[in-house]
């Protein structure tokens, strides 16, 4: 029979594991939404107008993230976001 300390180690694991899991799923969902709403004409890197808005649903940050992912790994970025959620 397992002692009390053995049971707490095996079932407890990393503290706040559920919180980290939910946070990571949320981050990957935001990333997926930024990929879906990505518009190549919406280039936030070279935008000089301070008052301009982004056409991306997640704003300028999402447009930047989507552009970096699509530029570096292409359409495989969708796989990264989907596997991150799963």
C-alpha atoms as a PDB file:
ATOM      1  CA  UNK A   1       0.000   0.000   0.000  1.00  0.00           C
ATOM      2  CA  UNK A   2       1.319   3.419  -0.924  1.00  0.00           C
ATOM      3  CA  UNK A   3       2.024   5.833   1.834  1.00  0.00           C
ATOM      4  CA  UNK A   4       0.390   9.236   1.972  1.00  0.00           C
ATOM      5  CA  UNK A   5       3.485  11.019   0.632  1.00  0.00           C
ATOM      6  CA  UNK A   6       3.700   8.621  -2.360  1.00  0.00           C
ATOM      7  CA  UNK A   7       0.065   9.267  -3.288  1.00  0.00           C
ATOM      8  CA  UNK A   8       0.455  13.039  -3.118  1.00  0.00           C
ATOM      9  CA  UNK A   9       3.508  12.946  -5.367  1.00  0.00           C
ATOM     10  CA  UNK A  10       1.893  10.768  -8.013  1.00  0.00           C
ATOM     11  CA  UNK A  11      -1.449  12.561  -8.174  1.00  0.00           C
ATOM     12  CA  UNK A  12      -0.315  16.106  -7.430  1.00  0.00           C
ATOM     13  CA  UNK A  13       2.455  16.544  -9.950  1.00  0.00           C
ATOM     14  CA  UNK A  14       3.318  20.077 -10.937  1.00  0.00           C
ATOM     15  CA  UNK A  15       1.477  22.611  -8.792  1.00  0.00           C
ATOM     16  CA  UNK A  16      -1.066  24.675 -10.668  1.00  0.00           C
ATOM     17  CA  UNK A  17      -0.845  22.319 -13.649  1.00  0.00           C
ATOM     18  CA  UNK A  18      -4.478  22.866 -14.569  1.00  0.00           C
ATOM     19  CA  UNK A  19      -4.030  26.630 -14.562  1.00  0.00           C
ATOM     20  CA  UNK A  20      -1.021  26.359 -16.883  1.00  0.00           C
ATOM     21  CA  UNK A  21      -2.940  24.018 -19.160  1.00  0.00           C
ATOM     22  CA  UNK A  22      -5.912  26.354 -19.458  1.00  0.00           C
ATOM     23  CA  UNK A  23      -3.601  29.344 -20.040  1.00  0.00           C
ATOM     24  CA  UNK A  24      -1.728  27.531 -22.818  1.00  0.00           C
ATOM     25  CA  UNK A  25      -4.960  26.442 -24.489  1.00  0.00           C
ATOM     26  CA  UNK A  26      -6.114  30.069 -24.394  1.00  0.00           C
ATOM     27  CA  UNK A  27      -2.862  31.275 -25.937  1.00  0.00           C
ATOM     28  CA  UNK A  28      -3.099  28.704 -28.725  1.00  0.00           C
ATOM     29  CA  UNK A  29      -6.734  29.641 -29.379  1.00  0.00           C
ATOM     30  CA  UNK A  30      -5.781  33.310 -29.736  1.00  0.00           C
ATOM     31  CA  UNK A  31      -2.952  32.255 -32.035  1.00  0.00           C
ATOM     32  CA  UNK A  32      -5.350  30.191 -34.152  1.00  0.00           C
ATOM     33  CA  UNK A  33      -7.783  33.116 -34.415  1.00  0.00           C
ATOM     34  CA  UNK A  34      -4.941  35.389 -35.486  1.00  0.00           C
ATOM     35  CA  UNK A  35      -3.974  32.853 -38.194  1.00  0.00           C
ATOM     36  CA  UNK A  36      -7.534  32.537 -39.478  1.00  0.00           C
ATOM     37  CA  UNK A  37      -8.046  36.297 -39.679  1.00  0.00           C
ATOM     38  CA  UNK A  38      -4.608  36.990 -41.190  1.00  0.00           C
ATOM     39  CA  UNK A  39      -4.515  39.294 -44.202  1.00  0.00           C
ATOM     40  CA  UNK A  40      -1.201  39.608 -46.074  1.00  0.00           C
ATOM     41  CA  UNK A  41      -2.021  43.223 -46.942  1.00  0.00           C
ATOM     42  CA  UNK A  42      -2.298  44.058 -43.256  1.00  0.00           C
ATOM     43  CA  UNK A  43       1.381  44.604 -42.490  1.00  0.00           C
ATOM     44  CA  UNK A  44       1.886  45.947 -38.961  1.00  0.00           C
ATOM     45  CA  UNK A  45       5.703  46.036 -39.209  1.00  0.00           C
ATOM     46  CA  UNK A  46       5.789  48.846 -41.730  1.00  0.00           C
ATOM     47  CA  UNK A  47       2.725  50.736 -40.544  1.00  0.00           C
ATOM     48  CA  UNK A  48       3.671  54.357 -39.856  1.00  0.00           C
ATOM     49  CA  UNK A  49       0.189  55.632 -38.968  1.00  0.00           C
ATOM     50  CA  UNK A  50      -0.206  55.573 -35.182  1.00  0.00           C
ATOM     51  CA  UNK A  51      -4.005  55.647 -35.338  1.00  0.00           C
ATOM     52  CA  UNK A  52      -4.445  52.842 -37.847  1.00  0.00           C
ATOM     53  CA  UNK A  53      -6.264  49.675 -36.899  1.00  0.00           C
ATOM     54  CA  UNK A  54      -5.534  46.139 -37.906  1.00  0.00           C
ATOM     55  CA  UNK A  55      -7.951  43.959 -39.845  1.00  0.00           C
ATOM     56  CA  UNK A  56      -6.918  41.008 -37.704  1.00  0.00           C
ATOM     57  CA  UNK A  57      -9.413  39.951 -35.030  1.00  0.00           C
ATOM     58  CA  UNK A  58      -6.655  39.868 -32.416  1.00  0.00           C
ATOM     59  CA  UNK A  59      -5.324  43.326 -33.253  1.00  0.00           C
ATOM     60  CA  UNK A  60      -1.855  44.430 -34.218  1.00  0.00           C
ATOM     61  CA  UNK A  61      -0.153  41.922 -31.950  1.00  0.00           C
ATOM     62  CA  UNK A  62      -2.057  39.048 -33.549  1.00  0.00           C
ATOM     63  CA  UNK A  63      -1.249  40.360 -37.014  1.00  0.00           C
ATOM     64  CA  UNK A  64       2.432  40.506 -36.102  1.00  0.00           C
ATOM     65  CA  UNK A  65       2.416  36.998 -34.638  1.00  0.00           C
ATOM     66  CA  UNK A  66       0.601  35.591 -37.655  1.00  0.00           C
ATOM     67  CA  UNK A  67       3.012  37.300 -40.033  1.00  0.00           C
ATOM     68  CA  UNK A  68       6.059  35.970 -38.189  1.00  0.00           C
ATOM     69  CA  UNK A  69       4.669  32.429 -38.067  1.00  0.00           C
ATOM     70  CA  UNK A  70       3.595  32.421 -41.706  1.00  0.00           C
ATOM     71  CA  UNK A  71       6.918  33.939 -42.801  1.00  0.00           C
ATOM     72  CA  UNK A  72       9.015  31.435 -40.854  1.00  0.00           C
ATOM     73  CA  UNK A  73       7.114  28.138 -41.156  1.00  0.00           C
ATOM     74  CA  UNK A  74       4.373  28.892 -43.677  1.00  0.00           C
ATOM     75  CA  UNK A  75       1.031  27.140 -43.550  1.00  0.00           C
ATOM     76  CA  UNK A  76       2.448  24.713 -40.983  1.00  0.00           C
ATOM     77  CA  UNK A  77       1.618  27.426 -38.469  1.00  0.00           C
ATOM     78  CA  UNK A  78      -1.924  26.065 -38.443  1.00  0.00           C
ATOM     79  CA  UNK A  79      -0.564  22.706 -37.338  1.00  0.00           C
ATOM     80  CA  UNK A  80       1.341  24.342 -34.484  1.00  0.00           C
ATOM     81  CA  UNK A  81      -1.809  26.061 -33.215  1.00  0.00           C
ATOM     82  CA  UNK A  82      -4.057  22.994 -33.598  1.00  0.00           C
ATOM     83  CA  UNK A  83      -1.599  20.601 -31.930  1.00  0.00           C
ATOM     84  CA  UNK A  84      -1.068  23.145 -29.172  1.00  0.00           C
ATOM     85  CA  UNK A  85      -4.786  23.075 -28.411  1.00  0.00           C
ATOM     86  CA  UNK A  86      -4.948  19.277 -28.496  1.00  0.00           C
END
